[in-house]
Structures are given as C-alpha cells and as structure tokens.
C-alpha atoms as a PDB file:
ATOM      1  CA  MET A   1      92.802-118.240 111.129  1.00  0.00           C
ATOM      2  CA  ASN A   2      95.780-116.313 112.367  1.00  0.00           C
ATOM      3  CA  PHE A   3      98.875-116.683 110.141  1.00  0.00           C
ATOM      4  CA  LEU A   4     101.018-114.120 112.007  1.00  0.00           C
ATOM      5  CA  ILE A   5     104.252-115.691 112.669  1.00  0.00           C
ATOM      6  CA  SER A   6     107.073-114.622 114.959  1.00  0.00           C
ATOM      7  CA  ARG A   7     110.230-113.388 113.134  1.00  0.00           C
ATOM      8  CA  LYS A   8     112.239-115.054 115.928  1.00  0.00           C
ATOM      9  CA  ASN A   9     111.451-118.531 114.603  1.00  0.00           C
ATOM     10  CA  GLY A  10     113.194-118.779 111.297  1.00  0.00           C
ATOM     11  CA  LEU A  11     111.835-122.175 110.558  1.00  0.00           C
ATOM     12  CA  GLN A  12     108.290-120.954 110.881  1.00  0.00           C
ATOM     13  CA  VAL A  13     109.081-118.045 108.610  1.00  0.00           C
ATOM     14  CA  LEU A  14     110.521-120.444 106.133  1.00  0.00           C
ATOM     15  CA  ILE A  15     107.389-122.678 106.219  1.00  0.00           C
ATOM     16  CA  PHE A  16     105.145-119.643 105.873  1.00  0.00           C
ATOM     17  CA  GLY A  17     107.233-118.276 103.035  1.00  0.00           C
ATOM     18  CA  ALA A  18     107.183-121.591 101.137  1.00  0.00           C
ATOM     19  CA  LEU A  19     103.445-122.028 101.800  1.00  0.00           C
ATOM     20  CA  ALA A  20     102.699-118.444 100.547  1.00  0.00           C
ATOM     21  CA  LEU A  21     104.670-119.174  97.357  1.00  0.00           C
ATOM     22  CA  ALA A  22     102.934-122.564  97.018  1.00  0.00           C
ATOM     23  CA  ALA A  23      99.509-120.867  97.387  1.00  0.00           C
ATOM     24  CA  ILE A  24     100.265-118.442  94.638  1.00  0.00           C
ATOM     25  CA  LEU A  25     101.655-121.221  92.505  1.00  0.00           C
ATOM     26  CA  ALA A  26      98.813-123.724  93.287  1.00  0.00           C
ATOM     27  CA  LEU A  27      96.372-121.767  91.054  1.00  0.00           C
ATOM     28  CA  PRO A  28      94.737-124.032  88.343  1.00  0.00           C
ATOM     29  CA  GLY A  29      97.102-124.631  85.478  1.00  0.00           C
ATOM     30  CA  LEU A  30     100.478-124.659  87.577  1.00  0.00           C
ATOM     31  CA  LEU A  31     102.265-127.837  87.448  1.00  0.00           C
ATOM     32  CA  PRO A  32     105.678-128.958  88.813  1.00  0.00           C
ATOM     33  CA  ALA A  33     108.366-128.237  86.351  1.00  0.00           C
ATOM     34  CA  GLN A  34     109.549-131.205  84.483  1.00  0.00           C
ATOM     35  CA  THR A  35     112.937-130.955  86.146  1.00  0.00           C
ATOM     36  CA  ASP A  36     114.557-132.941  88.872  1.00  0.00           C
ATOM     37  CA  ALA A  37     115.260-130.115  91.491  1.00  0.00           C
ATOM     38  CA  CYS A  38     118.090-132.098  93.058  1.00  0.00           C
ATOM     39  CA  ALA A  39     119.876-132.367  89.624  1.00  0.00           C
ATOM     40  CA  LEU A  40     120.012-128.541  89.350  1.00  0.00           C
ATOM     41  CA  VAL A  41     122.702-128.335  92.114  1.00  0.00           C
ATOM     42  CA  GLN A  42     125.894-130.459  92.059  1.00  0.00           C
ATOM     43  CA  ALA A  43     127.054-132.152  95.218  1.00  0.00           C
ATOM     44  CA  GLY A  44     130.223-130.367  95.224  1.00  0.00           C
ATOM     45  CA  ASP A  45     128.680-126.849  94.904  1.00  0.00           C
ATOM     46  CA  ALA A  46     126.164-127.716  97.761  1.00  0.00           C
ATOM     47  CA  ALA A  47     129.087-129.059 100.014  1.00  0.00           C
ATOM     48  CA  ALA A  48     131.014-125.825  99.360  1.00  0.00           C
ATOM     49  CA  LEU A  49     127.976-123.704 100.435  1.00  0.00           C
ATOM     50  CA  LEU A  50     126.732-125.863 103.380  1.00  0.00           C
ATOM     51  CA  GLY A  51     130.024-127.401 104.771  1.00  0.00           C
ATOM     52  CA  GLY A  52     131.132-131.047 104.855  1.00  0.00           C
ATOM     53  CA  THR A  53     129.582-133.656 102.711  1.00  0.00           C
ATOM     54  CA  ALA A  54     126.278-132.526 101.110  1.00  0.00           C
ATOM     55  CA  THR A  55     123.433-134.896 100.812  1.00  0.00           C
ATOM     56  CA  SER A  56     120.141-134.347  98.925  1.00  0.00           C
ATOM     57  CA  LYS A  57     116.629-135.435  99.585  1.00  0.00           C
ATOM     58  CA  PRO A  58     114.056-135.047  96.765  1.00  0.00           C
ATOM     59  CA  THR A  59     110.278-134.829  97.287  1.00  0.00           C
ATOM     60  CA  PRO A  60     108.134-137.386  95.423  1.00  0.00           C
ATOM     61  CA  GLY A  61     108.086-136.144  91.834  1.00  0.00           C
ATOM     62  CA  GLY A  62     111.223-134.391  92.266  1.00  0.00           C
ATOM     63  CA  GLN A  63     109.809-130.792  92.116  1.00  0.00           C
ATOM     64  CA  ALA A  64     111.567-129.915  95.354  1.00  0.00           C
ATOM     65  CA  CYS A  65     114.845-130.867  96.946  1.00  0.00           C
ATOM     66  CA  THR A  66     116.655-130.220 100.170  1.00  0.00           C
ATOM     67  CA  TRP A  67     120.424-130.292 100.512  1.00  0.00           C
ATOM     68  CA  THR A  68     121.966-130.675 103.891  1.00  0.00           C
ATOM     69  CA  GLY A  69     125.627-130.254 104.806  1.00  0.00           C
ATOM     70  CA  SER A  70     127.159-132.649 107.300  1.00  0.00           C
ATOM     71  CA  ALA A  71     129.381-129.924 108.967  1.00  0.00           C
ATOM     72  CA  SER A  72     126.641-127.323 109.720  1.00  0.00           C
ATOM     73  CA  GLY A  73     122.946-126.875 110.340  1.00  0.00           C
ATOM     74  CA  ARG A  74     122.639-125.101 107.118  1.00  0.00           C
ATOM     75  CA  LYS A  75     120.329-126.326 104.391  1.00  0.00           C
ATOM     76  CA  LEU A  76     119.561-125.371 100.731  1.00  0.00           C
ATOM     77  CA  MET A  77     115.990-125.937  99.446  1.00  0.00           C
ATOM     78  CA  ILE A  78     115.238-125.881  95.786  1.00  0.00           C
ATOM     79  CA  LEU A  79     111.573-125.519  94.553  1.00  0.00           C
ATOM     80  CA  THR A  80     110.630-125.723  90.783  1.00  0.00           C
ATOM     81  CA  TYR A  81     107.361-124.786  89.093  1.00  0.00           C
ATOM     82  CA  LYS A  82     106.104-124.295  85.588  1.00  0.00           C
ATOM     83  CA  ASN A  83     103.002-122.446  84.427  1.00  0.00           C
ATOM     84  CA  THR A  84     100.294-123.587  82.028  1.00  0.00           C
ATOM     85  CA  ARG A  85      97.447-121.090  82.437  1.00  0.00           C
ATOM     86  CA  VAL A  86      98.382-118.342  84.740  1.00  0.00           C
ATOM     87  CA  PRO A  87     101.262-116.126  83.393  1.00  0.00           C
ATOM     88  CA  GLY A  88     104.524-116.923  85.194  1.00  0.00           C
ATOM     89  CA  GLU A  89     105.014-113.173  85.467  1.00  0.00           C
ATOM     90  CA  THR A  90     101.948-112.978  87.719  1.00  0.00           C
ATOM     91  CA  ALA A  91     103.349-115.720  90.016  1.00  0.00           C
ATOM     92  CA  PHE A  92     106.726-114.064  90.039  1.00  0.00           C
ATOM     93  CA  MET A  93     105.154-110.709  91.028  1.00  0.00           C
ATOM     94  CA  GLY A  94     103.125-112.405  93.738  1.00  0.00           C
ATOM     95  CA  ALA A  95     106.303-113.893  95.243  1.00  0.00           C
ATOM     96  CA  GLN A  96     108.168-110.585  94.956  1.00  0.00           C
ATOM     97  CA  GLN A  97     105.317-108.739  96.734  1.00  0.00           C
ATOM     98  CA  GLY A  98     105.321-111.475  99.511  1.00  0.00           C
ATOM     99  CA  ALA A  99     109.088-110.981  99.960  1.00  0.00           C
ATOM    100  CA  GLN A 100     108.569-107.209 100.297  1.00  0.00           C
ATOM    101  CA  ALA A 101     106.045-107.676 103.072  1.00  0.00           C
ATOM    102  CA  ASP A 102     108.649-107.862 105.853  1.00  0.00           C
ATOM    103  CA  GLN A 103     110.483-104.368 106.210  1.00  0.00           C
ATOM    104  CA  ASP A 104     113.565-106.106 107.786  1.00  0.00           C
ATOM    105  CA  ASP A 105     114.101-108.193 104.687  1.00  0.00           C
ATOM    106  CA  LYS A 106     116.240-106.626 101.965  1.00  0.00           C
ATOM    107  CA  ILE A 107     115.060-107.447  98.468  1.00  0.00           C
ATOM    108  CA  SER A 108     117.180-106.709  95.196  1.00  0.00           C
ATOM    109  CA  ASN A 109     116.564-107.335  91.680  1.00  0.00           C
ATOM    110  CA  GLU A 110     119.172-109.721  90.127  1.00  0.00           C
ATOM    111  CA  ALA A 111     120.341-109.236  86.567  1.00  0.00           C
ATOM    112  CA  GLY A 112     121.541-111.942  84.249  1.00  0.00           C
ATOM    113  CA  LEU A 113     119.439-114.718  85.831  1.00  0.00           C
ATOM    114  CA  GLY A 114     116.669-116.109  83.642  1.00  0.00           C
ATOM    115  CA  ASP A 115     114.131-113.672  82.379  1.00  0.00           C
ATOM    116  CA  LYS A 116     113.748-111.894  85.780  1.00  0.00           C
ATOM    117  CA  ALA A 117     115.004-112.606  89.326  1.00  0.00           C
ATOM    118  CA  PHE A 118     115.282-111.166  92.714  1.00  0.00           C
ATOM    119  CA  SER A 119     117.103-112.015  95.957  1.00  0.00           C
ATOM    120  CA  VAL A 120     115.990-111.445  99.441  1.00  0.00           C
ATOM    121  CA  THR A 121     117.781-111.628 102.798  1.00  0.00           C
ATOM    122  CA  THR A 122     115.355-112.937 105.552  1.00  0.00           C
ATOM    123  CA  SER A 123     115.301-113.781 109.116  1.00  0.00           C
ATOM    124  CA  PHE A 124     116.552-117.315 108.360  1.00  0.00           C
ATOM    125  CA  GLY A 125     118.931-116.746 105.457  1.00  0.00           C
ATOM    126  CA  ALA A 126     118.721-115.784 101.842  1.00  0.00           C
ATOM    127  CA  ILE A 127     116.287-116.586  98.919  1.00  0.00           C
ATOM    128  CA  PHE A 128     116.576-116.227  95.164  1.00  0.00           C
ATOM    129  CA  VAL A 129     113.369-116.457  92.927  1.00  0.00           C
ATOM    130  CA  VAL A 130     113.844-116.705  89.193  1.00  0.00           C
ATOM    131  CA  LEU A 131     111.382-116.582  86.208  1.00  0.00           C
ATOM    132  CA  LYS A 132     112.576-118.445  83.235  1.00  0.00           C
ATOM    133  CA  GLN A 133     110.434-119.176  80.349  1.00  0.00           C
ATOM    134  CA  GLY A 134     107.291-119.140  82.213  1.00  0.00           C
ATOM    135  CA  ARG A 135     108.709-121.420  84.933  1.00  0.00           C
ATOM    136  CA  LEU A 136     109.628-120.396  88.515  1.00  0.00           C
ATOM    137  CA  LEU A 137     112.774-121.551  90.365  1.00  0.00           C
ATOM    138  CA  GLN A 138     113.386-120.679  94.115  1.00  0.00           C
ATOM    139  CA  LEU A 139     116.377-121.379  96.068  1.00  0.00           C
ATOM    140  CA  GLN A 140     116.357-120.912  99.804  1.00  0.00           C
ATOM    141  CA  TYR A 141     119.594-120.885 101.830  1.00  0.00           C
ATOM    142  CA  MET A 142     118.790-121.593 105.446  1.00  0.00           C
ATOM    143  CA  THR A 143     121.679-120.345 107.685  1.00  0.00           C
ATOM    144  CA  GLY A 144     119.778-120.316 111.002  1.00  0.00           C
ATOM    145  CA  ARG A 145     120.296-116.465 111.322  1.00  0.00           C
ATOM    146  CA  ARG A 146     119.359-113.282 109.455  1.00  0.00           C
ATOM    147  CA  GLY A 147     120.645-113.334 105.956  1.00  0.00           C
ATOM    148  CA  THR A 148     123.550-111.071 104.877  1.00  0.00           C
ATOM    149  CA  SER A 149     124.900-109.804 101.529  1.00  0.00           C
ATOM    150  CA  GLN A 150     127.553-112.390 101.981  1.00  0.00           C
ATOM    151  CA  ASP A 151     124.920-115.087 102.060  1.00  0.00           C
ATOM    152  CA  ILE A 152     123.589-113.721  98.713  1.00  0.00           C
ATOM    153  CA  ALA A 153     126.940-113.621  97.216  1.00  0.00           C
ATOM    154  CA  ALA A 154     127.702-117.185  98.440  1.00  0.00           C
ATOM    155  CA  LEU A 155     124.390-118.459  96.903  1.00  0.00           C
ATOM    156  CA  ARG A 156     124.521-116.501  93.591  1.00  0.00           C
ATOM    157  CA  PRO A 157     127.036-118.858  91.736  1.00  0.00           C
ATOM    158  CA  ILE A 158     124.957-121.888  92.630  1.00  0.00           C
ATOM    159  CA  VAL A 159     121.810-120.069  91.418  1.00  0.00           C
ATOM    160  CA  GLN A 160     123.521-119.217  88.175  1.00  0.00           C
ATOM    161  CA  LYS A 161     124.363-122.918  87.538  1.00  0.00           C
ATOM    162  CA  ALA A 162     120.800-123.962  88.579  1.00  0.00           C
ATOM    163  CA  VAL A 163     119.260-121.503  86.288  1.00  0.00           C
ATOM    164  CA  ALA A 164     121.372-122.689  83.377  1.00  0.00           C
ATOM    165  CA  ALA A 165     120.306-126.286  84.084  1.00  0.00           C
ATOM    166  CA  PHE A 166     116.621-125.373  84.562  1.00  0.00           C
END
C-alpha cells in the first residue's frame, strides 16, 4: 500500500501525521488519557488563536477535540494519550522521529513544557507534542499554509495552559 502523500495537500499530511502518531500510540497498553481534551483549552484562548467565536467538538470518549474559529478556516486539534505498558518516552521518540521525516519541516525542542516537548512547523501549520508523566499531549494548529515561527509563538501560550491542565 502506498502511503506517499503530496505535501501540497495539507489536510492529507495532517491526516497522515495523526494516523502515524495513532499507530505508534495504538500499541497494546496505550489508552486514551483520562482527560477531556476540549477542557484543556479555554474558549477565549482558542478564539484569540483562531479568530471569531471558537467552538469545540470532542470525539466520543473525549480523548481528542477540534476547535474551529468562526472568522477563519483555521483549526486547533488536541489529542491526548496515556501509556500503561509501552514507555511514554518510546512513543514520544517515535512521534519526534516521524516529525523529522520531512526535511521542509522545522523541529525544535521546547523547554518548560511537561517532561519533554518539541514543536514542528509543517506544510499545514504547527504542532506541539508533549510528554508529561508517561502521557502524550499533541496540539495541532492548522493554518492552511506552511507553518512559521510566528505560528509556534502564537500556539505556545495555549500549549503551556493545556500542559498545566493535563
């Protein structure tokens, strides 16, 4: 099966990235974190990032959430996982290696967020992945264009609040 995806289609890249992380995290023993992903981000913070009035839509079970702003096509996706058998460090490293696969993406270690964290600019926006007490938290900011350092800077305060609540 061919999983090569054109970088021109950011949505496909997003889906591929989410599926790759999900595959890493779907190993036996990994469970959704016991956290409501939508509750990790306040509506006002999401609105400031996304524009207009922000609305959230959780997945069944609450382990993922998508925030959408009314004034733009931008979105914020939050994914939460906890680990019961496979070390969280292993899943985190797998996510980090996956992020390094595209040479056009810029990956940076992020200090002061959980136990370990990194950010990455992608063809569709920006991502933060955080390891905290054996659980993973991922925030994806979908801007509809290649992510910039400004996107990382805009997302960072929201990530800090989400990590504190995680």
